[in-house]
PDB file of N, CA and C in Angstrom:
ATOM      1  N   MET A   1      -3.590  17.468  33.374  1.00  0.00           N
ATOM      2  CA  MET A   1      -4.009  18.455  32.408  1.00  0.00           C
ATOM      3  C   MET A   1      -2.850  18.763  31.450  1.00  0.00           C
ATOM      4  N   ARG A   2      -3.139  18.670  30.171  1.00  0.00           N
ATOM      5  CA  ARG A   2      -2.112  18.951  29.170  1.00  0.00           C
ATOM      6  C   ARG A   2      -2.196  20.397  28.721  1.00  0.00           C
ATOM      7  N   LEU A   3      -1.082  20.986  28.607  1.00  0.00           N
ATOM      8  CA  LEU A   3      -1.029  22.348  28.097  1.00  0.00           C
ATOM      9  C   LEU A   3      -0.943  22.315  26.579  1.00  0.00           C
ATOM     10  N   PRO A   4      -1.611  23.237  25.906  1.00  0.00           N
ATOM     11  CA  PRO A   4      -1.556  23.241  24.434  1.00  0.00           C
ATOM     12  C   PRO A   4      -0.134  23.393  23.907  1.00  0.00           C
ATOM     13  N   ARG A   5       0.683  24.106  24.652  1.00  0.00           N
ATOM     14  CA  ARG A   5       2.062  24.305  24.212  1.00  0.00           C
ATOM     15  C   ARG A   5       2.810  22.976  24.167  1.00  0.00           C
ATOM     16  N   TRP A   6       2.625  22.133  25.187  1.00  0.00           N
ATOM     17  CA  TRP A   6       3.295  20.831  25.213  1.00  0.00           C
ATOM     18  C   TRP A   6       2.730  19.903  24.148  1.00  0.00           C
ATOM     19  N   SER A   7       1.443  19.993  23.888  1.00  0.00           N
ATOM     20  CA  SER A   7       0.839  19.165  22.847  1.00  0.00           C
ATOM     21  C   SER A   7       1.403  19.519  21.476  1.00  0.00           C
ATOM     22  N   SER A   8       1.543  20.805  21.213  1.00  0.00           N
ATOM     23  CA  SER A   8       2.103  21.206  19.920  1.00  0.00           C
ATOM     24  C   SER A   8       3.588  20.853  19.832  1.00  0.00           C
ATOM     25  N   PHE A   9       4.304  20.971  20.961  1.00  0.00           N
ATOM     26  CA  PHE A   9       5.712  20.572  20.977  1.00  0.00           C
ATOM     27  C   PHE A   9       5.847  19.082  20.702  1.00  0.00           C
ATOM     28  N   ARG A  10       4.983  18.282  21.335  1.00  0.00           N
ATOM     29  CA  ARG A  10       5.009  16.830  21.130  1.00  0.00           C
ATOM     30  C   ARG A  10       4.701  16.479  19.680  1.00  0.00           C
ATOM     31  N   ALA A  11       3.704  17.154  19.098  1.00  0.00           N
ATOM     32  CA  ALA A  11       3.352  16.891  17.695  1.00  0.00           C
ATOM     33  C   ALA A  11       4.507  17.269  16.772  1.00  0.00           C
ATOM     34  N   GLY A  12       5.168  18.400  17.051  1.00  0.00           N
ATOM     35  CA  GLY A  12       6.309  18.808  16.233  1.00  0.00           C
ATOM     36  C   GLY A  12       7.467  17.846  16.353  1.00  0.00           C
ATOM     37  N   LEU A  13       7.732  17.386  17.566  1.00  0.00           N
ATOM     38  CA  LEU A  13       8.811  16.428  17.783  1.00  0.00           C
ATOM     39  C   LEU A  13       8.520  15.105  17.087  1.00  0.00           C
ATOM     40  N   GLU A  14       7.274  14.670  17.157  1.00  0.00           N
ATOM     41  CA  GLU A  14       6.885  13.429  16.478  1.00  0.00           C
ATOM     42  C   GLU A  14       7.036  13.559  14.970  1.00  0.00           C
ATOM     43  N   GLU A  15       6.653  14.702  14.419  1.00  0.00           N
ATOM     44  CA  GLU A  15       6.820  14.943  12.986  1.00  0.00           C
ATOM     45  C   GLU A  15       8.287  14.986  12.604  1.00  0.00           C
ATOM     46  N   PHE A  16       9.116  15.569  13.436  1.00  0.00           N
ATOM     47  CA  PHE A  16      10.550  15.642  13.171  1.00  0.00           C
ATOM     48  C   PHE A  16      11.174  14.249  13.128  1.00  0.00           C
ATOM     49  N   CYS A  17      10.751  13.384  14.048  1.00  0.00           N
ATOM     50  CA  CYS A  17      11.342  12.043  14.136  1.00  0.00           C
ATOM     51  C   CYS A  17      10.789  11.094  13.083  1.00  0.00           C
ATOM     52  N   ALA A  18       9.483  11.115  12.852  1.00  0.00           N
ATOM     53  CA  ALA A  18       8.854  10.135  11.959  1.00  0.00           C
ATOM     54  C   ALA A  18       8.709  10.634  10.530  1.00  0.00           C
ATOM     55  N   GLY A  19       8.783  11.941  10.320  1.00  0.00           N
ATOM     56  CA  GLY A  19       8.567  12.511   8.994  1.00  0.00           C
ATOM     57  C   GLY A  19       9.414  11.903   7.886  1.00  0.00           C
ATOM     58  N   PRO A  20      10.734  11.829   8.046  1.00  0.00           N
ATOM     59  CA  PRO A  20      11.567  11.295   6.968  1.00  0.00           C
ATOM     60  C   PRO A  20      11.324   9.809   6.671  1.00  0.00           C
ATOM     61  N   TYR A  21      10.747   9.100   7.617  1.00  0.00           N
ATOM     62  CA  TYR A  21      10.575   7.655   7.451  1.00  0.00           C
ATOM     63  C   TYR A  21       9.134   7.249   7.154  1.00  0.00           C
ATOM     64  N   ARG A  22       8.255   8.218   6.974  1.00  0.00           N
ATOM     65  CA  ARG A  22       6.841   7.921   6.787  1.00  0.00           C
ATOM     66  C   ARG A  22       6.599   7.019   5.574  1.00  0.00           C
ATOM     67  N   ARG A  23       7.238   7.308   4.469  1.00  0.00           N
ATOM     68  CA  ARG A  23       7.051   6.508   3.250  1.00  0.00           C
ATOM     69  C   ARG A  23       7.598   5.087   3.441  1.00  0.00           C
ATOM     70  N   THR A  24       8.754   4.974   4.073  1.00  0.00           N
ATOM     71  CA  THR A  24       9.351   3.665   4.329  1.00  0.00           C
ATOM     72  C   THR A  24       8.483   2.840   5.269  1.00  0.00           C
ATOM     73  N   LEU A  25       7.970   3.476   6.309  1.00  0.00           N
ATOM     74  CA  LEU A  25       7.102   2.768   7.253  1.00  0.00           C
ATOM     75  C   LEU A  25       5.789   2.358   6.599  1.00  0.00           C
ATOM     76  N   ALA A  26       5.244   3.187   5.731  1.00  0.00           N
ATOM     77  CA  ALA A  26       4.006   2.837   5.025  1.00  0.00           C
ATOM     78  C   ALA A  26       4.236   1.650   4.094  1.00  0.00           C
ATOM     79  N   ARG A  27       5.373   1.628   3.412  1.00  0.00           N
ATOM     80  CA  ARG A  27       5.686   0.507   2.521  1.00  0.00           C
ATOM     81  C   ARG A  27       5.869  -0.783   3.312  1.00  0.00           C
ATOM     82  N   ALA A  28       6.543  -0.710   4.446  1.00  0.00           N
ATOM     83  CA  ALA A  28       6.744  -1.895   5.289  1.00  0.00           C
ATOM     84  C   ALA A  28       5.404  -2.414   5.814  1.00  0.00           C
ATOM     85  N   ARG A  29       4.531  -1.503   6.204  1.00  0.00           N
ATOM     86  CA  ARG A  29       3.214  -1.935   6.683  1.00  0.00           C
ATOM     87  C   ARG A  29       2.401  -2.584   5.571  1.00  0.00           C
ATOM     88  N   ARG A  30       2.461  -2.022   4.361  1.00  0.00           N
ATOM     89  CA  ARG A  30       1.742  -2.605   3.225  1.00  0.00           C
ATOM     90  C   ARG A  30       2.277  -4.003   2.900  1.00  0.00           C
ATOM     91  N   GLU A  31       3.595  -4.181   2.968  1.00  0.00           N
ATOM     92  CA  GLU A  31       4.175  -5.499   2.713  1.00  0.00           C
ATOM     93  C   GLU A  31       3.755  -6.506   3.780  1.00  0.00           C
ATOM     94  N   GLU A  32       3.695  -6.076   5.030  1.00  0.00           N
ATOM     95  CA  GLU A  32       3.221  -6.970   6.095  1.00  0.00           C
ATOM     96  C   GLU A  32       1.749  -7.333   5.891  1.00  0.00           C
ATOM     97  N   ASP A  33       0.941  -6.364   5.487  1.00  0.00           N
ATOM     98  CA  ASP A  33      -0.472  -6.637   5.225  1.00  0.00           C
ATOM     99  C   ASP A  33      -0.632  -7.608   4.062  1.00  0.00           C
ATOM    100  N   ASP A  34       0.190  -7.449   3.021  1.00  0.00           N
ATOM    101  CA  ASP A  34       0.129  -8.368   1.880  1.00  0.00           C
ATOM    102  C   ASP A  34       0.511  -9.783   2.292  1.00  0.00           C
ATOM    103  N   LEU A  35       1.527  -9.928   3.112  1.00  0.00           N
ATOM    104  CA  LEU A  35       1.921 -11.240   3.601  1.00  0.00           C
ATOM    105  C   LEU A  35       0.814 -11.854   4.448  1.00  0.00           C
ATOM    106  N   PHE A  36       0.184 -11.041   5.287  1.00  0.00           N
ATOM    107  CA  PHE A  36      -0.928 -11.522   6.102  1.00  0.00           C
ATOM    108  C   PHE A  36      -2.072 -12.030   5.220  1.00  0.00           C
ATOM    109  N   ARG A  37      -2.402 -11.272   4.172  1.00  0.00           N
ATOM    110  CA  ARG A  37      -3.465 -11.717   3.261  1.00  0.00           C
ATOM    111  C   ARG A  37      -3.101 -13.032   2.579  1.00  0.00           C
ATOM    112  N   MET A  38      -1.825 -13.159   2.203  1.00  0.00           N
ATOM    113  CA  MET A  38      -1.381 -14.398   1.559  1.00  0.00           C
ATOM    114  C   MET A  38      -1.528 -15.578   2.502  1.00  0.00           C
ATOM    115  N   VAL A  39      -1.199 -15.394   3.762  1.00  0.00           N
ATOM    116  CA  VAL A  39      -1.328 -16.474   4.745  1.00  0.00           C
ATOM    117  C   VAL A  39      -2.791 -16.842   4.940  1.00  0.00           C
ATOM    118  N   VAL A  40      -3.651 -15.823   5.044  1.00  0.00           N
ATOM    119  CA  VAL A  40      -5.075 -16.090   5.256  1.00  0.00           C
ATOM    120  C   VAL A  40      -5.702 -16.749   4.028  1.00  0.00           C
ATOM    121  N   LEU A  41      -5.315 -16.325   2.840  1.00  0.00           N
ATOM    122  CA  LEU A  41      -5.923 -16.841   1.612  1.00  0.00           C
ATOM    123  C   LEU A  41      -5.183 -18.038   1.020  1.00  0.00           C
ATOM    124  N   ALA A  42      -4.170 -18.544   1.686  1.00  0.00           N
ATOM    125  CA  ALA A  42      -3.355 -19.627   1.127  1.00  0.00           C
ATOM    126  C   ALA A  42      -4.196 -20.844   0.769  1.00  0.00           C
ATOM    127  N   GLU A  43      -5.076 -21.267   1.639  1.00  0.00           N
ATOM    128  CA  GLU A  43      -5.900 -22.448   1.367  1.00  0.00           C
ATOM    129  C   GLU A  43      -6.820 -22.200   0.173  1.00  0.00           C
ATOM    130  N   ALA A  44      -7.375 -21.015   0.068  1.00  0.00           N
ATOM    131  CA  ALA A  44      -8.259 -20.691  -1.049  1.00  0.00           C
ATOM    132  C   ALA A  44      -7.488 -20.600  -2.363  1.00  0.00           C
ATOM    133  N   LEU A  45      -6.200 -20.281  -2.297  1.00  0.00           N
ATOM    134  CA  LEU A  45      -5.378 -20.192  -3.497  1.00  0.00           C
ATOM    135  C   LEU A  45      -4.763 -21.535  -3.888  1.00  0.00           C
ATOM    136  N   GLY A  46      -5.005 -22.567  -3.114  1.00  0.00           N
ATOM    137  CA  GLY A  46      -4.521 -23.897  -3.455  1.00  0.00           C
ATOM    138  C   GLY A  46      -3.240 -24.305  -2.762  1.00  0.00           C
ATOM    139  N   VAL A  47      -2.767 -23.533  -1.834  1.00  0.00           N
ATOM    140  CA  VAL A  47      -1.553 -23.858  -1.089  1.00  0.00           C
ATOM    141  C   VAL A  47      -1.978 -24.536   0.207  1.00  0.00           C
ATOM    142  N   PRO A  48      -1.493 -25.748   0.480  1.00  0.00           N
ATOM    143  CA  PRO A  48      -1.867 -26.401   1.729  1.00  0.00           C
ATOM    144  C   PRO A  48      -1.448 -25.562   2.934  1.00  0.00           C
ATOM    145  N   ASP A  49      -2.379 -25.358   3.836  1.00  0.00           N
ATOM    146  CA  ASP A  49      -2.130 -24.493   4.978  1.00  0.00           C
ATOM    147  C   ASP A  49      -2.573 -25.203   6.250  1.00  0.00           C
ATOM    148  N   PRO A  50      -1.632 -25.547   7.118  1.00  0.00           N
ATOM    149  CA  PRO A  50      -2.018 -26.225   8.358  1.00  0.00           C
ATOM    150  C   PRO A  50      -2.804 -25.323   9.309  1.00  0.00           C
ATOM    151  N   ALA A  51      -2.720 -24.017   9.130  1.00  0.00           N
ATOM    152  CA  ALA A  51      -3.430 -23.089  10.011  1.00  0.00           C
ATOM    153  C   ALA A  51      -4.749 -22.614   9.411  1.00  0.00           C
ATOM    154  N   ALA A  52      -5.251 -23.279   8.381  1.00  0.00           N
ATOM    155  CA  ALA A  52      -6.472 -22.839   7.706  1.00  0.00           C
ATOM    156  C   ALA A  52      -7.666 -22.828   8.650  1.00  0.00           C
ATOM    157  N   TYR A  53      -7.703 -23.727   9.589  1.00  0.00           N
ATOM    158  CA  TYR A  53      -8.809 -23.775  10.546  1.00  0.00           C
ATOM    159  C   TYR A  53      -8.886 -22.480  11.357  1.00  0.00           C
ATOM    160  N   TYR A  54      -7.731 -21.904  11.665  1.00  0.00           N
ATOM    161  CA  TYR A  54      -7.686 -20.699  12.489  1.00  0.00           C
ATOM    162  C   TYR A  54      -7.847 -19.425  11.658  1.00  0.00           C
ATOM    163  N   THR A  55      -7.443 -19.465  10.405  1.00  0.00           N
ATOM    164  CA  THR A  55      -7.509 -18.257   9.586  1.00  0.00           C
ATOM    165  C   THR A  55      -8.835 -18.088   8.865  1.00  0.00           C
ATOM    166  N   VAL A  56      -9.693 -19.102   8.876  1.00  0.00           N
ATOM    167  CA  VAL A  56     -10.969 -18.985   8.166  1.00  0.00           C
ATOM    168  C   VAL A  56     -11.842 -17.883   8.778  1.00  0.00           C
ATOM    169  N   GLU A  57     -11.694 -17.612  10.041  1.00  0.00           N
ATOM    170  CA  GLU A  57     -12.467 -16.548  10.675  1.00  0.00           C
ATOM    171  C   GLU A  57     -12.037 -15.164  10.189  1.00  0.00           C
ATOM    172  N   LEU A  58     -10.857 -15.050   9.638  1.00  0.00           N
ATOM    173  CA  LEU A  58     -10.351 -13.757   9.186  1.00  0.00           C
ATOM    174  C   LEU A  58     -10.706 -13.454   7.734  1.00  0.00           C
ATOM    175  N   MET A  59     -11.316 -14.391   7.037  1.00  0.00           N
ATOM    176  CA  MET A  59     -11.637 -14.199   5.623  1.00  0.00           C
ATOM    177  C   MET A  59     -12.501 -12.963   5.360  1.00  0.00           C
ATOM    178  N   PRO A  60     -13.570 -12.704   6.113  1.00  0.00           N
ATOM    179  CA  PRO A  60     -14.364 -11.500   5.826  1.00  0.00           C
ATOM    180  C   PRO A  60     -13.567 -10.204   5.950  1.00  0.00           C
ATOM    181  N   VAL A  61     -12.624 -10.159   6.841  1.00  0.00           N
ATOM    182  CA  VAL A  61     -11.798  -8.961   6.998  1.00  0.00           C
ATOM    183  C   VAL A  61     -10.883  -8.792   5.793  1.00  0.00           C
ATOM    184  N   VAL A  62     -10.366  -9.873   5.280  1.00  0.00           N
ATOM    185  CA  VAL A  62      -9.442  -9.836   4.147  1.00  0.00           C
ATOM    186  C   VAL A  62     -10.175  -9.509   2.853  1.00  0.00           C
ATOM    187  N   TYR A  63     -11.403  -9.966   2.700  1.00  0.00           N
ATOM    188  CA  TYR A  63     -12.150  -9.739   1.464  1.00  0.00           C
ATOM    189  C   TYR A  63     -12.449  -8.267   1.216  1.00  0.00           C
ATOM    190  N   GLU A  64     -12.466  -7.443   2.266  1.00  0.00           N
ATOM    191  CA  GLU A  64     -12.778  -6.028   2.088  1.00  0.00           C
ATOM    192  C   GLU A  64     -11.777  -5.336   1.161  1.00  0.00           C
ATOM    193  N   ASP A  65     -10.515  -5.695   1.247  1.00  0.00           N
ATOM    194  CA  ASP A  65      -9.471  -5.051   0.458  1.00  0.00           C
ATOM    195  C   ASP A  65      -8.858  -6.023  -0.553  1.00  0.00           C
ATOM    196  N   PHE A  66      -9.602  -7.041  -0.926  1.00  0.00           N
ATOM    197  CA  PHE A  66      -9.079  -8.097  -1.787  1.00  0.00           C
ATOM    198  C   PHE A  66      -8.703  -7.577  -3.171  1.00  0.00           C
ATOM    199  N   HIS A  67      -9.538  -6.726  -3.746  1.00  0.00           N
ATOM    200  CA  HIS A  67      -9.279  -6.233  -5.104  1.00  0.00           C
ATOM    201  C   HIS A  67      -7.956  -5.478  -5.177  1.00  0.00           C
ATOM    202  N   ALA A  68      -7.710  -4.575  -4.249  1.00  0.00           N
ATOM    203  CA  ALA A  68      -6.454  -3.819  -4.240  1.00  0.00           C
ATOM    204  C   ALA A  68      -5.262  -4.755  -4.036  1.00  0.00           C
ATOM    205  N   TRP A  69      -5.450  -5.777  -3.216  1.00  0.00           N
ATOM    206  CA  TRP A  69      -4.350  -6.720  -2.954  1.00  0.00           C
ATOM    207  C   TRP A  69      -3.969  -7.493  -4.210  1.00  0.00           C
ATOM    208  N   HIS A  70      -4.949  -8.074  -4.895  1.00  0.00           N
ATOM    209  CA  HIS A  70      -4.573  -8.901  -6.054  1.00  0.00           C
ATOM    210  C   HIS A  70      -4.064  -8.051  -7.203  1.00  0.00           C
ATOM    211  N   ARG A  71      -4.463  -6.781  -7.282  1.00  0.00           N
ATOM    212  CA  ARG A  71      -3.894  -5.889  -8.293  1.00  0.00           C
ATOM    213  C   ARG A  71      -2.430  -5.563  -7.957  1.00  0.00           C
ATOM    214  N   ARG A  72      -2.127  -5.342  -6.665  1.00  0.00           N
ATOM    215  CA  ARG A  72      -0.742  -5.080  -6.256  1.00  0.00           C
ATOM    216  C   ARG A  72       0.148  -6.290  -6.492  1.00  0.00           C
ATOM    217  N   MET A  73      -0.418  -7.484  -6.381  1.00  0.00           N
ATOM    218  CA  MET A  73       0.360  -8.701  -6.582  1.00  0.00           C
ATOM    219  C   MET A  73       0.560  -9.022  -8.060  1.00  0.00           C
ATOM    220  N   GLY A  74      -0.025  -8.226  -8.955  1.00  0.00           N
ATOM    221  CA  GLY A  74       0.174  -8.400 -10.383  1.00  0.00           C
ATOM    222  C   GLY A  74      -0.843  -9.309 -11.055  1.00  0.00           C
ATOM    223  N   MET A  75      -1.929  -9.622 -10.383  1.00  0.00           N
ATOM    224  CA  MET A  75      -2.977 -10.460 -10.957  1.00  0.00           C
ATOM    225  C   MET A  75      -4.084  -9.557 -11.506  1.00  0.00           C
ATOM    226  N   GLU A  76      -4.346  -9.664 -12.811  1.00  0.00           N
ATOM    227  CA  GLU A  76      -5.361  -8.800 -13.399  1.00  0.00           C
ATOM    228  C   GLU A  76      -6.765  -9.191 -12.951  1.00  0.00           C
ATOM    229  N   ARG A  77      -7.006 -10.464 -12.832  1.00  0.00           N
ATOM    230  CA  ARG A  77      -8.321 -10.962 -12.400  1.00  0.00           C
ATOM    231  C   ARG A  77      -8.185 -11.630 -11.036  1.00  0.00           C
ATOM    232  N   SER A  78      -9.297 -11.785 -10.376  1.00  0.00           N
ATOM    233  CA  SER A  78      -9.309 -12.445  -9.075  1.00  0.00           C
ATOM    234  C   SER A  78      -8.873 -13.901  -9.224  1.00  0.00           C
ATOM    235  N   PRO A  79      -7.906 -14.363  -8.434  1.00  0.00           N
ATOM    236  CA  PRO A  79      -7.470 -15.749  -8.530  1.00  0.00           C
ATOM    237  C   PRO A  79      -8.456 -16.728  -7.901  1.00  0.00           C
ATOM    238  N   LEU A  80      -9.435 -16.241  -7.177  1.00  0.00           N
ATOM    239  CA  LEU A  80     -10.405 -17.094  -6.513  1.00  0.00           C
ATOM    240  C   LEU A  80     -11.688 -17.153  -7.335  1.00  0.00           C
ATOM    241  N   GLU A  81     -12.192 -18.340  -7.558  1.00  0.00           N
ATOM    242  CA  GLU A  81     -13.392 -18.512  -8.363  1.00  0.00           C
ATOM    243  C   GLU A  81     -14.624 -17.939  -7.672  1.00  0.00           C
ATOM    244  N   HIS A  82     -14.698 -18.048  -6.365  1.00  0.00           N
ATOM    245  CA  HIS A  82     -15.894 -17.624  -5.647  1.00  0.00           C
ATOM    246  C   HIS A  82     -15.861 -16.138  -5.250  1.00  0.00           C
ATOM    247  N   VAL A  83     -14.796 -15.426  -5.585  1.00  0.00           N
ATOM    248  CA  VAL A  83     -14.720 -13.996  -5.301  1.00  0.00           C
ATOM    249  C   VAL A  83     -14.575 -13.282  -6.635  1.00  0.00           C
ATOM    250  N   GLY A  84     -15.650 -12.678  -7.084  1.00  0.00           N
ATOM    251  CA  GLY A  84     -15.621 -11.941  -8.334  1.00  0.00           C
ATOM    252  C   GLY A  84     -15.608 -10.451  -8.058  1.00  0.00           C
ATOM    253  N   CYS A  85     -14.463  -9.856  -7.973  1.00  0.00           N
ATOM    254  CA  CYS A  85     -14.394  -8.431  -7.643  1.00  0.00           C
ATOM    255  C   CYS A  85     -14.141  -7.579  -8.869  1.00  0.00           C
ATOM    256  N   CYS A  86     -13.719  -8.171  -9.972  1.00  0.00           N
ATOM    257  CA  CYS A  86     -13.384  -7.383 -11.148  1.00  0.00           C
ATOM    258  C   CYS A  86     -14.492  -7.431 -12.188  1.00  0.00           C
TER     259      CYS A  86
END
């Protein structure tokens, strides 16, 4: 059984430790996600990918956030012919 006092103490301690680094950690996670999308979409972008057989199952997951990704990468239009998000 958890006491509310310990739960609030734990939440405060977590905020104290992670608070100053929240922006840095969010940026690192976004960069990792962008790299992951690049690996998954490499074959579709014309880059030979030996792991394309394994990453094709991940395409539907990547397409959900595709528009935000290609805008962050500096591409005004979708680089893929079969994905028209703009």
